């Protein structure tokens, strides 16, 4: 409780320094992984004027944001509220 009283005062300050957060939205536990092989992902090359291009992995746009993110496993946890309220950008990793 003493730690919470001290650190909870700093939440806004800490999150104001964050540009983007990576959220393991579909994981069921902090001790379980969330990166799994996916056949929907492909590697594409994007042309660049400075070199031949760079390669990035892309995936289709999530078609069910409400199901996979809004009511997903991660967002059932109370402490996630401050992250969602105070951050501008979140990259969600989901099963969708």
C-alpha atoms as a PDB file:
ATOM      1  CA  UNK A   1       0.000   0.000   0.000  1.00  0.00           C
ATOM      2  CA  UNK A   2       2.884   2.360   0.779  1.00  0.00           C
ATOM      3  CA  UNK A   3       4.349   1.755  -2.687  1.00  0.00           C
ATOM      4  CA  UNK A   4       0.991   2.517  -4.348  1.00  0.00           C
ATOM      5  CA  UNK A   5       0.620   5.781  -2.402  1.00  0.00           C
ATOM      6  CA  UNK A   6       4.054   6.892  -3.560  1.00  0.00           C
ATOM      7  CA  UNK A   7       3.971   5.695  -7.167  1.00  0.00           C
ATOM      8  CA  UNK A   8       0.334   6.438  -8.035  1.00  0.00           C
ATOM      9  CA  UNK A   9       1.088  10.167  -7.735  1.00  0.00           C
ATOM     10  CA  UNK A  10       3.621   9.825 -10.562  1.00  0.00           C
ATOM     11  CA  UNK A  11       1.463   7.960 -13.106  1.00  0.00           C
ATOM     12  CA  UNK A  12       0.596  11.013 -15.204  1.00  0.00           C
ATOM     13  CA  UNK A  13       4.226  12.199 -15.171  1.00  0.00           C
ATOM     14  CA  UNK A  14       5.533   8.777 -16.225  1.00  0.00           C
ATOM     15  CA  UNK A  15       3.001   8.265 -19.004  1.00  0.00           C
ATOM     16  CA  UNK A  16       3.515  11.801 -20.335  1.00  0.00           C
ATOM     17  CA  UNK A  17       7.019  10.701 -21.368  1.00  0.00           C
ATOM     18  CA  UNK A  18       5.767   7.698 -23.361  1.00  0.00           C
ATOM     19  CA  UNK A  19       5.217   8.018 -27.115  1.00  0.00           C
ATOM     20  CA  UNK A  20       3.733   4.602 -27.786  1.00  0.00           C
ATOM     21  CA  UNK A  21       3.034   1.437 -25.841  1.00  0.00           C
ATOM     22  CA  UNK A  22       3.042  -2.149 -27.070  1.00  0.00           C
ATOM     23  CA  UNK A  23       0.125  -4.063 -25.577  1.00  0.00           C
ATOM     24  CA  UNK A  24      -0.055  -7.855 -25.409  1.00  0.00           C
ATOM     25  CA  UNK A  25      -3.822  -7.525 -25.634  1.00  0.00           C
ATOM     26  CA  UNK A  26      -4.618 -11.190 -26.215  1.00  0.00           C
ATOM     27  CA  UNK A  27      -2.370 -12.805 -23.626  1.00  0.00           C
ATOM     28  CA  UNK A  28      -4.127 -14.522 -20.754  1.00  0.00           C
ATOM     29  CA  UNK A  29      -1.317 -14.069 -18.224  1.00  0.00           C
ATOM     30  CA  UNK A  30       1.768 -11.889 -17.668  1.00  0.00           C
ATOM     31  CA  UNK A  31       3.845 -15.074 -17.686  1.00  0.00           C
ATOM     32  CA  UNK A  32       2.544 -16.346 -21.051  1.00  0.00           C
ATOM     33  CA  UNK A  33       3.764 -15.348 -24.481  1.00  0.00           C
ATOM     34  CA  UNK A  34       1.719 -13.486 -27.052  1.00  0.00           C
ATOM     35  CA  UNK A  35       3.728 -13.749 -30.271  1.00  0.00           C
ATOM     36  CA  UNK A  36       2.612 -16.785 -32.221  1.00  0.00           C
ATOM     37  CA  UNK A  37       3.039 -17.795 -35.868  1.00  0.00           C
ATOM     38  CA  UNK A  38       0.375 -16.322 -38.111  1.00  0.00           C
ATOM     39  CA  UNK A  39      -0.364 -17.190 -41.718  1.00  0.00           C
ATOM     40  CA  UNK A  40      -2.030 -13.786 -42.270  1.00  0.00           C
ATOM     41  CA  UNK A  41       1.297 -11.925 -42.062  1.00  0.00           C
ATOM     42  CA  UNK A  42       3.499 -11.314 -45.086  1.00  0.00           C
ATOM     43  CA  UNK A  43       6.794  -9.555 -45.751  1.00  0.00           C
ATOM     44  CA  UNK A  44       6.750  -6.633 -48.185  1.00  0.00           C
ATOM     45  CA  UNK A  45       9.451  -4.289 -49.430  1.00  0.00           C
ATOM     46  CA  UNK A  46       8.792  -0.545 -49.323  1.00  0.00           C
ATOM     47  CA  UNK A  47      10.807   1.582 -51.787  1.00  0.00           C
ATOM     48  CA  UNK A  48      12.979   4.275 -50.278  1.00  0.00           C
ATOM     49  CA  UNK A  49      14.868   7.063 -52.096  1.00  0.00           C
ATOM     50  CA  UNK A  50      17.995   6.498 -49.985  1.00  0.00           C
ATOM     51  CA  UNK A  51      18.354   2.781 -50.657  1.00  0.00           C
ATOM     52  CA  UNK A  52      16.678  -0.134 -52.403  1.00  0.00           C
ATOM     53  CA  UNK A  53      13.958  -0.297 -49.797  1.00  0.00           C
ATOM     54  CA  UNK A  54      13.326  -1.788 -46.436  1.00  0.00           C
ATOM     55  CA  UNK A  55      11.263  -4.781 -45.472  1.00  0.00           C
ATOM     56  CA  UNK A  56       8.380  -4.734 -43.042  1.00  0.00           C
ATOM     57  CA  UNK A  57       5.886  -7.300 -41.872  1.00  0.00           C
ATOM     58  CA  UNK A  58       2.261  -6.418 -42.413  1.00  0.00           C
ATOM     59  CA  UNK A  59      -0.999  -7.950 -41.366  1.00  0.00           C
ATOM     60  CA  UNK A  60      -4.575  -7.269 -42.321  1.00  0.00           C
ATOM     61  CA  UNK A  61      -6.473  -4.648 -40.399  1.00  0.00           C
ATOM     62  CA  UNK A  62      -8.278  -5.992 -37.366  1.00  0.00           C
ATOM     63  CA  UNK A  63     -11.858  -6.577 -38.388  1.00  0.00           C
ATOM     64  CA  UNK A  64     -13.307  -6.880 -34.898  1.00  0.00           C
ATOM     65  CA  UNK A  65     -11.681  -4.201 -32.742  1.00  0.00           C
ATOM     66  CA  UNK A  66     -14.435  -4.333 -30.144  1.00  0.00           C
ATOM     67  CA  UNK A  67     -14.108  -8.093 -29.615  1.00  0.00           C
ATOM     68  CA  UNK A  68     -10.304  -8.309 -29.799  1.00  0.00           C
ATOM     69  CA  UNK A  69      -9.358  -5.080 -28.005  1.00  0.00           C
ATOM     70  CA  UNK A  70     -12.174  -3.259 -26.215  1.00  0.00           C
ATOM     71  CA  UNK A  71     -13.485  -6.350 -24.409  1.00  0.00           C
ATOM     72  CA  UNK A  72     -10.272  -8.343 -24.823  1.00  0.00           C
ATOM     73  CA  UNK A  73      -8.368 -10.052 -22.033  1.00  0.00           C
ATOM     74  CA  UNK A  74      -5.975  -7.176 -21.287  1.00  0.00           C
ATOM     75  CA  UNK A  75      -8.697  -4.556 -20.992  1.00  0.00           C
ATOM     76  CA  UNK A  76     -10.415  -6.525 -18.246  1.00  0.00           C
ATOM     77  CA  UNK A  77      -7.566  -5.524 -15.941  1.00  0.00           C
ATOM     78  CA  UNK A  78      -8.184  -2.357 -13.903  1.00  0.00           C
ATOM     79  CA  UNK A  79      -4.635  -0.970 -14.154  1.00  0.00           C
ATOM     80  CA  UNK A  80      -4.934  -0.733 -17.945  1.00  0.00           C
ATOM     81  CA  UNK A  81      -7.369   2.173 -17.593  1.00  0.00           C
ATOM     82  CA  UNK A  82      -4.636   4.726 -16.944  1.00  0.00           C
ATOM     83  CA  UNK A  83      -2.627   3.488 -19.927  1.00  0.00           C
ATOM     84  CA  UNK A  84      -5.594   3.880 -22.247  1.00  0.00           C
ATOM     85  CA  UNK A  85      -6.540   7.266 -20.809  1.00  0.00           C
ATOM     86  CA  UNK A  86      -3.062   8.800 -20.749  1.00  0.00           C
ATOM     87  CA  UNK A  87      -1.373   7.441 -23.886  1.00  0.00           C
ATOM     88  CA  UNK A  88      -1.739   8.663 -27.443  1.00  0.00           C
ATOM     89  CA  UNK A  89      -0.687   5.527 -29.290  1.00  0.00           C
ATOM     90  CA  UNK A  90      -1.051   1.830 -28.508  1.00  0.00           C
ATOM     91  CA  UNK A  91      -0.018  -1.060 -30.744  1.00  0.00           C
ATOM     92  CA  UNK A  92      -2.196  -4.056 -29.887  1.00  0.00           C
ATOM     93  CA  UNK A  93      -1.134  -7.657 -30.444  1.00  0.00           C
ATOM     94  CA  UNK A  94      -4.286  -9.756 -30.655  1.00  0.00           C
ATOM     95  CA  UNK A  95      -5.418 -13.143 -31.874  1.00  0.00           C
ATOM     96  CA  UNK A  96      -7.777 -11.483 -34.369  1.00  0.00           C
END
